[in-house]
């Protein structure tokens, strides 16, 4: 496994974002606007945000992969392969259901452990915090699945196994990438939130670059 430099990958992600920034910013902004006209009731704002996220995610993932792979992409290319978009949607749905099932099990175990004892805030925190940590770590293991699908390496279920295997073998690098993204998100949020229009699209370019680097493939270094 060759050496993967996280800071260099962020630099490449920035170079590619400079060329394809309009594509990602329009995708981020336009999808919620479209959903707003379909559900123009403010009471349903959580549903509106969720639908926008669900519909937007596969397109952003594919656009990011194409940019990382070939240096540039277009709106037409991002939407073209409906089959892969549907597979990514189903993959995210299955992964989400698995995580919800794990969460339900953790809550059930916590409830059983607390039966017959006095409920206190300290006990609730002791049970919830480890569960959230476990859930966060498990969710981290599923990041590479969509790129395994887009690269043709695996189908939906095979992508889950490949993603977990790739992450387990390179957990330090993947975790460092996540921490660096959290730092950039915080920085972007400090800048009145405007910086998020750069940080979020860059993350969609960075992740496939990381995937290609970890699998030994060569992504686009520039447009």
C-alpha atoms as a PDB file:
ATOM      1  CA  UNK A   1       0.000   0.000   0.000  1.00  0.00           C
ATOM      2  CA  UNK A   2       1.555   3.270  -1.077  1.00  0.00           C
ATOM      3  CA  UNK A   3       1.799   6.259   1.199  1.00  0.00           C
ATOM      4  CA  UNK A   4      -1.284   8.504   1.228  1.00  0.00           C
ATOM      5  CA  UNK A   5      -0.793  12.137   2.215  1.00  0.00           C
ATOM      6  CA  UNK A   6      -4.020  13.709   3.485  1.00  0.00           C
ATOM      7  CA  UNK A   7      -2.841  17.313   3.076  1.00  0.00           C
ATOM      8  CA  UNK A   8      -1.793  16.645  -0.525  1.00  0.00           C
ATOM      9  CA  UNK A   9      -5.200  15.127  -1.266  1.00  0.00           C
ATOM     10  CA  UNK A  10      -6.890  18.245   0.131  1.00  0.00           C
ATOM     11  CA  UNK A  11      -4.651  20.329  -2.134  1.00  0.00           C
ATOM     12  CA  UNK A  12      -5.715  18.291  -5.154  1.00  0.00           C
ATOM     13  CA  UNK A  13      -9.360  18.543  -4.058  1.00  0.00           C
ATOM     14  CA  UNK A  14      -9.015  22.333  -3.934  1.00  0.00           C
ATOM     15  CA  UNK A  15      -7.452  22.472  -7.412  1.00  0.00           C
ATOM     16  CA  UNK A  16     -10.284  20.367  -8.830  1.00  0.00           C
ATOM     17  CA  UNK A  17     -12.922  22.383  -6.977  1.00  0.00           C
ATOM     18  CA  UNK A  18     -11.590  25.601  -8.519  1.00  0.00           C
ATOM     19  CA  UNK A  19     -12.383  24.181 -11.945  1.00  0.00           C
ATOM     20  CA  UNK A  20     -15.697  22.504 -11.036  1.00  0.00           C
ATOM     21  CA  UNK A  21     -16.930  24.782  -8.244  1.00  0.00           C
ATOM     22  CA  UNK A  22     -19.986  26.005 -10.136  1.00  0.00           C
ATOM     23  CA  UNK A  23     -21.225  22.449 -10.681  1.00  0.00           C
ATOM     24  CA  UNK A  24     -21.144  21.591  -6.967  1.00  0.00           C
ATOM     25  CA  UNK A  25     -22.450  24.905  -5.652  1.00  0.00           C
ATOM     26  CA  UNK A  26     -25.436  24.817  -8.036  1.00  0.00           C
ATOM     27  CA  UNK A  27     -26.190  21.211  -7.041  1.00  0.00           C
ATOM     28  CA  UNK A  28     -26.040  22.125  -3.351  1.00  0.00           C
ATOM     29  CA  UNK A  29     -28.275  25.174  -3.732  1.00  0.00           C
ATOM     30  CA  UNK A  30     -30.742  24.131  -6.441  1.00  0.00           C
ATOM     31  CA  UNK A  31     -31.905  20.787  -5.038  1.00  0.00           C
ATOM     32  CA  UNK A  32     -33.381  22.234  -1.823  1.00  0.00           C
ATOM     33  CA  UNK A  33     -35.072  24.974  -3.889  1.00  0.00           C
ATOM     34  CA  UNK A  34     -36.764  22.362  -6.108  1.00  0.00           C
ATOM     35  CA  UNK A  35     -37.980  20.406  -3.080  1.00  0.00           C
ATOM     36  CA  UNK A  36     -39.243  23.657  -1.530  1.00  0.00           C
ATOM     37  CA  UNK A  37     -41.663  24.178  -4.402  1.00  0.00           C
ATOM     38  CA  UNK A  38     -42.873  20.585  -4.017  1.00  0.00           C
ATOM     39  CA  UNK A  39     -43.395  20.987  -0.256  1.00  0.00           C
ATOM     40  CA  UNK A  40     -43.907  24.728   0.409  1.00  0.00           C
ATOM     41  CA  UNK A  41     -45.044  24.237   4.007  1.00  0.00           C
ATOM     42  CA  UNK A  42     -42.628  25.468   6.634  1.00  0.00           C
ATOM     43  CA  UNK A  43     -43.985  22.982   9.171  1.00  0.00           C
ATOM     44  CA  UNK A  44     -42.550  20.218   6.975  1.00  0.00           C
ATOM     45  CA  UNK A  45     -39.066  21.756   6.947  1.00  0.00           C
ATOM     46  CA  UNK A  46     -37.374  18.640   8.428  1.00  0.00           C
ATOM     47  CA  UNK A  47     -38.957  16.484   5.710  1.00  0.00           C
ATOM     48  CA  UNK A  48     -37.948  19.056   3.105  1.00  0.00           C
ATOM     49  CA  UNK A  49     -34.319  19.013   4.243  1.00  0.00           C
ATOM     50  CA  UNK A  50     -34.272  15.198   4.417  1.00  0.00           C
ATOM     51  CA  UNK A  51     -35.704  14.793   0.916  1.00  0.00           C
ATOM     52  CA  UNK A  52     -33.255  17.312  -0.499  1.00  0.00           C
ATOM     53  CA  UNK A  53     -30.375  15.437   1.118  1.00  0.00           C
ATOM     54  CA  UNK A  54     -31.571  12.019  -0.070  1.00  0.00           C
ATOM     55  CA  UNK A  55     -32.119  13.155  -3.652  1.00  0.00           C
ATOM     56  CA  UNK A  56     -28.935  15.187  -3.802  1.00  0.00           C
ATOM     57  CA  UNK A  57     -26.468  12.754  -2.243  1.00  0.00           C
ATOM     58  CA  UNK A  58     -26.071  10.236  -5.122  1.00  0.00           C
ATOM     59  CA  UNK A  59     -25.643  13.033  -7.677  1.00  0.00           C
ATOM     60  CA  UNK A  60     -23.013  14.802  -5.572  1.00  0.00           C
ATOM     61  CA  UNK A  61     -21.198  11.512  -4.981  1.00  0.00           C
ATOM     62  CA  UNK A  62     -21.134  10.705  -8.702  1.00  0.00           C
ATOM     63  CA  UNK A  63     -20.089  14.249  -9.642  1.00  0.00           C
ATOM     64  CA  UNK A  64     -17.278  14.133  -7.101  1.00  0.00           C
ATOM     65  CA  UNK A  65     -16.107  10.752  -8.359  1.00  0.00           C
ATOM     66  CA  UNK A  66     -16.071  11.909 -11.981  1.00  0.00           C
ATOM     67  CA  UNK A  67     -14.135  15.049 -11.068  1.00  0.00           C
ATOM     68  CA  UNK A  68     -11.632  13.047  -9.016  1.00  0.00           C
ATOM     69  CA  UNK A  69     -11.270  10.506 -11.809  1.00  0.00           C
ATOM     70  CA  UNK A  70     -11.099  12.664 -14.910  1.00  0.00           C
ATOM     71  CA  UNK A  71     -10.564  16.221 -13.691  1.00  0.00           C
ATOM     72  CA  UNK A  72     -13.883  17.676 -14.828  1.00  0.00           C
ATOM     73  CA  UNK A  73     -17.559  16.847 -14.957  1.00  0.00           C
ATOM     74  CA  UNK A  74     -20.808  18.421 -16.094  1.00  0.00           C
ATOM     75  CA  UNK A  75     -24.418  18.458 -14.918  1.00  0.00           C
ATOM     76  CA  UNK A  76     -25.321  16.046 -17.698  1.00  0.00           C
ATOM     77  CA  UNK A  77     -22.606  13.575 -16.701  1.00  0.00           C
ATOM     78  CA  UNK A  78     -23.556  13.786 -13.028  1.00  0.00           C
ATOM     79  CA  UNK A  79     -27.177  12.834 -13.793  1.00  0.00           C
ATOM     80  CA  UNK A  80     -26.530  10.536 -16.758  1.00  0.00           C
ATOM     81  CA  UNK A  81     -26.127   7.090 -15.187  1.00  0.00           C
ATOM     82  CA  UNK A  82     -29.438   6.630 -13.384  1.00  0.00           C
ATOM     83  CA  UNK A  83     -28.583   3.021 -12.618  1.00  0.00           C
ATOM     84  CA  UNK A  84     -25.524   3.924 -10.544  1.00  0.00           C
ATOM     85  CA  UNK A  85     -27.407   6.767  -8.851  1.00  0.00           C
ATOM     86  CA  UNK A  86     -30.141   4.328  -7.838  1.00  0.00           C
ATOM     87  CA  UNK A  87     -27.551   1.840  -6.560  1.00  0.00           C
ATOM     88  CA  UNK A  88     -25.908   4.532  -4.437  1.00  0.00           C
ATOM     89  CA  UNK A  89     -29.314   5.539  -3.074  1.00  0.00           C
ATOM     90  CA  UNK A  90     -30.126   1.926  -2.144  1.00  0.00           C
ATOM     91  CA  UNK A  91     -26.645   1.472  -0.635  1.00  0.00           C
ATOM     92  CA  UNK A  92     -27.105   4.527   1.598  1.00  0.00           C
ATOM     93  CA  UNK A  93     -30.600   3.348   2.526  1.00  0.00           C
ATOM     94  CA  UNK A  94     -29.399  -0.135   3.504  1.00  0.00           C
ATOM     95  CA  UNK A  95     -26.438   1.258   5.425  1.00  0.00           C
ATOM     96  CA  UNK A  96     -28.752   3.693   7.219  1.00  0.00           C
ATOM     97  CA  UNK A  97     -31.154   0.896   8.147  1.00  0.00           C
ATOM     98  CA  UNK A  98     -28.274  -1.214   9.487  1.00  0.00           C
ATOM     99  CA  UNK A  99     -27.094   1.704  11.632  1.00  0.00           C
ATOM    100  CA  UNK A 100     -30.649   2.304  12.885  1.00  0.00           C
ATOM    101  CA  UNK A 101     -30.938  -1.382  13.785  1.00  0.00           C
ATOM    102  CA  UNK A 102     -27.652  -1.210  15.702  1.00  0.00           C
ATOM    103  CA  UNK A 103     -28.862   1.931  17.472  1.00  0.00           C
ATOM    104  CA  UNK A 104     -32.111   0.197  18.419  1.00  0.00           C
ATOM    105  CA  UNK A 105     -30.150  -2.762  19.795  1.00  0.00           C
ATOM    106  CA  UNK A 106     -27.898  -0.454  21.824  1.00  0.00           C
ATOM    107  CA  UNK A 107     -30.941   1.356  23.222  1.00  0.00           C
ATOM    108  CA  UNK A 108     -32.571  -1.987  24.047  1.00  0.00           C
ATOM    109  CA  UNK A 109     -29.466  -3.258  25.811  1.00  0.00           C
ATOM    110  CA  UNK A 110     -29.212   0.004  27.737  1.00  0.00           C
ATOM    111  CA  UNK A 111     -32.856  -0.241  28.764  1.00  0.00           C
ATOM    112  CA  UNK A 112     -32.387  -3.818  30.014  1.00  0.00           C
ATOM    113  CA  UNK A 113     -29.287  -2.824  31.979  1.00  0.00           C
ATOM    114  CA  UNK A 114     -31.150   0.049  33.585  1.00  0.00           C
ATOM    115  CA  UNK A 115     -34.248  -1.949  34.538  1.00  0.00           C
ATOM    116  CA  UNK A 116     -34.686  -2.161  38.267  1.00  0.00           C
ATOM    117  CA  UNK A 117     -32.284   0.678  38.915  1.00  0.00           C
ATOM    118  CA  UNK A 118     -32.826   4.336  39.631  1.00  0.00           C
ATOM    119  CA  UNK A 119     -32.716   6.469  36.506  1.00  0.00           C
ATOM    120  CA  UNK A 120     -30.240   9.299  36.791  1.00  0.00           C
ATOM    121  CA  UNK A 121     -28.814  11.705  34.229  1.00  0.00           C
ATOM    122  CA  UNK A 122     -25.352  10.265  34.834  1.00  0.00           C
ATOM    123  CA  UNK A 123     -26.495   6.714  34.030  1.00  0.00           C
ATOM    124  CA  UNK A 124     -28.289   7.866  30.882  1.00  0.00           C
ATOM    125  CA  UNK A 125     -25.164   9.689  29.669  1.00  0.00           C
ATOM    126  CA  UNK A 126     -22.965   6.662  30.456  1.00  0.00           C
ATOM    127  CA  UNK A 127     -25.216   4.508  28.257  1.00  0.00           C
ATOM    128  CA  UNK A 128     -25.830   6.983  25.431  1.00  0.00           C
ATOM    129  CA  UNK A 129     -22.301   8.314  24.869  1.00  0.00           C
ATOM    130  CA  UNK A 130     -20.631   4.918  24.207  1.00  0.00           C
ATOM    131  CA  UNK A 131     -23.524   3.993  21.917  1.00  0.00           C
ATOM    132  CA  UNK A 132     -23.133   7.155  19.865  1.00  0.00           C
ATOM    133  CA  UNK A 133     -19.376   6.624  19.654  1.00  0.00           C
ATOM    134  CA  UNK A 134     -19.856   3.046  18.441  1.00  0.00           C
ATOM    135  CA  UNK A 135     -22.479   4.187  15.917  1.00  0.00           C
ATOM    136  CA  UNK A 136     -20.241   6.991  14.610  1.00  0.00           C
ATOM    137  CA  UNK A 137     -17.303   4.620  14.125  1.00  0.00           C
ATOM    138  CA  UNK A 138     -19.476   2.066  12.321  1.00  0.00           C
ATOM    139  CA  UNK A 139     -20.944   4.757  10.036  1.00  0.00           C
ATOM    140  CA  UNK A 140     -17.401   5.830   9.176  1.00  0.00           C
ATOM    141  CA  UNK A 141     -16.720   2.336   7.805  1.00  0.00           C
ATOM    142  CA  UNK A 142     -19.333   2.751   5.063  1.00  0.00           C
ATOM    143  CA  UNK A 143     -17.865   5.808   3.327  1.00  0.00           C
ATOM    144  CA  UNK A 144     -16.146   3.965   0.434  1.00  0.00           C
ATOM    145  CA  UNK A 145     -19.112   1.884  -0.729  1.00  0.00           C
ATOM    146  CA  UNK A 146     -20.487   4.331  -3.321  1.00  0.00           C
ATOM    147  CA  UNK A 147     -17.061   4.607  -4.960  1.00  0.00           C
ATOM    148  CA  UNK A 148     -16.726   0.823  -5.120  1.00  0.00           C
ATOM    149  CA  UNK A 149     -20.069   0.848  -6.960  1.00  0.00           C
ATOM    150  CA  UNK A 150     -19.095   3.664  -9.326  1.00  0.00           C
ATOM    151  CA  UNK A 151     -15.748   2.039 -10.123  1.00  0.00           C
ATOM    152  CA  UNK A 152     -17.502  -1.215 -10.998  1.00  0.00           C
ATOM    153  CA  UNK A 153     -15.625  -3.130  -8.292  1.00  0.00           C
ATOM    154  CA  UNK A 154     -18.747  -4.294  -6.477  1.00  0.00           C
ATOM    155  CA  UNK A 155     -22.513  -4.326  -6.338  1.00  0.00           C
ATOM    156  CA  UNK A 156     -24.558  -2.887  -3.487  1.00  0.00           C
ATOM    157  CA  UNK A 157     -23.915  -5.605  -0.907  1.00  0.00           C
ATOM    158  CA  UNK A 158     -20.357  -6.277  -2.021  1.00  0.00           C
ATOM    159  CA  UNK A 159     -19.629  -2.573  -1.650  1.00  0.00           C
ATOM    160  CA  UNK A 160     -20.496  -2.748   2.051  1.00  0.00           C
ATOM    161  CA  UNK A 161     -17.902  -5.457   2.629  1.00  0.00           C
ATOM    162  CA  UNK A 162     -15.273  -3.708   0.509  1.00  0.00           C
ATOM    163  CA  UNK A 163     -15.832  -0.409   2.299  1.00  0.00           C
ATOM    164  CA  UNK A 164     -15.479  -1.994   5.735  1.00  0.00           C
ATOM    165  CA  UNK A 165     -12.360  -3.893   4.629  1.00  0.00           C
ATOM    166  CA  UNK A 166     -10.693  -0.850   3.057  1.00  0.00           C
ATOM    167  CA  UNK A 167     -11.436   1.296   6.112  1.00  0.00           C
ATOM    168  CA  UNK A 168     -10.206  -1.359   8.540  1.00  0.00           C
ATOM    169  CA  UNK A 169      -6.912  -1.623   6.664  1.00  0.00           C
ATOM    170  CA  UNK A 170      -6.451   2.158   6.559  1.00  0.00           C
ATOM    171  CA  UNK A 171      -8.370   3.308   9.622  1.00  0.00           C
ATOM    172  CA  UNK A 172      -5.708   5.819  10.716  1.00  0.00           C
ATOM    173  CA  UNK A 173      -5.750   7.617   7.365  1.00  0.00           C
ATOM    174  CA  UNK A 174      -9.543   7.601   7.113  1.00  0.00           C
ATOM    175  CA  UNK A 175      -9.953   8.870  10.665  1.00  0.00           C
ATOM    176  CA  UNK A 176      -7.375  11.615  10.056  1.00  0.00           C
ATOM    177  CA  UNK A 177      -9.297  12.614   6.919  1.00  0.00           C
ATOM    178  CA  UNK A 178     -12.506  12.854   8.950  1.00  0.00           C
ATOM    179  CA  UNK A 179     -10.840  14.991  11.608  1.00  0.00           C
ATOM    180  CA  UNK A 180      -9.393  17.318   8.973  1.00  0.00           C
ATOM    181  CA  UNK A 181     -12.848  17.709   7.418  1.00  0.00           C
ATOM    182  CA  UNK A 182     -14.389  18.520  10.809  1.00  0.00           C
ATOM    183  CA  UNK A 183     -11.757  21.227  11.263  1.00  0.00           C
ATOM    184  CA  UNK A 184     -12.514  22.708   7.838  1.00  0.00           C
ATOM    185  CA  UNK A 185     -16.276  22.581   8.487  1.00  0.00           C
ATOM    186  CA  UNK A 186     -15.802  24.487  11.741  1.00  0.00           C
ATOM    187  CA  UNK A 187     -13.659  27.040   9.930  1.00  0.00           C
ATOM    188  CA  UNK A 188     -16.241  27.355   7.147  1.00  0.00           C
ATOM    189  CA  UNK A 189     -19.061  27.792   9.665  1.00  0.00           C
ATOM    190  CA  UNK A 190     -17.130  30.545  11.446  1.00  0.00           C
ATOM    191  CA  UNK A 191     -17.009  32.483   8.176  1.00  0.00           C
ATOM    192  CA  UNK A 192     -20.763  33.190   8.435  1.00  0.00           C
ATOM    193  CA  UNK A 193     -21.453  29.793   6.913  1.00  0.00           C
ATOM    194  CA  UNK A 194     -20.338  30.937   3.457  1.00  0.00           C
ATOM    195  CA  UNK A 195     -17.201  28.841   3.724  1.00  0.00           C
ATOM    196  CA  UNK A 196     -19.372  25.725   3.807  1.00  0.00           C
ATOM    197  CA  UNK A 197     -20.172  26.279   0.124  1.00  0.00           C
ATOM    198  CA  UNK A 198     -16.498  25.503  -0.467  1.00  0.00           C
ATOM    199  CA  UNK A 199     -15.788  22.941   2.255  1.00  0.00           C
ATOM    200  CA  UNK A 200     -18.769  20.669   1.535  1.00  0.00           C
ATOM    201  CA  UNK A 201     -18.139  20.378  -2.238  1.00  0.00           C
ATOM    202  CA  UNK A 202     -14.429  19.830  -1.597  1.00  0.00           C
ATOM    203  CA  UNK A 203     -15.323  16.912   0.684  1.00  0.00           C
ATOM    204  CA  UNK A 204     -17.188  15.253  -2.201  1.00  0.00           C
ATOM    205  CA  UNK A 205     -14.046  15.561  -4.323  1.00  0.00           C
ATOM    206  CA  UNK A 206     -11.660  14.627  -1.517  1.00  0.00           C
ATOM    207  CA  UNK A 207     -13.383  11.326  -0.634  1.00  0.00           C
ATOM    208  CA  UNK A 208     -13.077   9.729  -4.103  1.00  0.00           C
ATOM    209  CA  UNK A 209      -9.477  10.986  -4.301  1.00  0.00           C
ATOM    210  CA  UNK A 210      -8.854   9.214  -0.996  1.00  0.00           C
ATOM    211  CA  UNK A 211     -10.586   6.080  -2.282  1.00  0.00           C
ATOM    212  CA  UNK A 212      -8.523   6.039  -5.471  1.00  0.00           C
ATOM    213  CA  UNK A 213      -5.319   6.579  -3.502  1.00  0.00           C
ATOM    214  CA  UNK A 214      -6.082   3.801  -1.004  1.00  0.00           C
ATOM    215  CA  UNK A 215      -6.988   1.337  -3.762  1.00  0.00           C
ATOM    216  CA  UNK A 216      -3.792   2.145  -5.655  1.00  0.00           C
ATOM    217  CA  UNK A 217      -5.477   3.955  -8.541  1.00  0.00           C
ATOM    218  CA  UNK A 218      -4.499   7.353  -9.859  1.00  0.00           C
ATOM    219  CA  UNK A 219      -7.002  10.178  -9.645  1.00  0.00           C
ATOM    220  CA  UNK A 220      -6.861  13.429 -11.575  1.00  0.00           C
ATOM    221  CA  UNK A 221      -4.192  15.772 -10.242  1.00  0.00           C
ATOM    222  CA  UNK A 222      -5.553  18.718 -12.186  1.00  0.00           C
ATOM    223  CA  UNK A 223      -8.132  19.551 -14.798  1.00  0.00           C
END
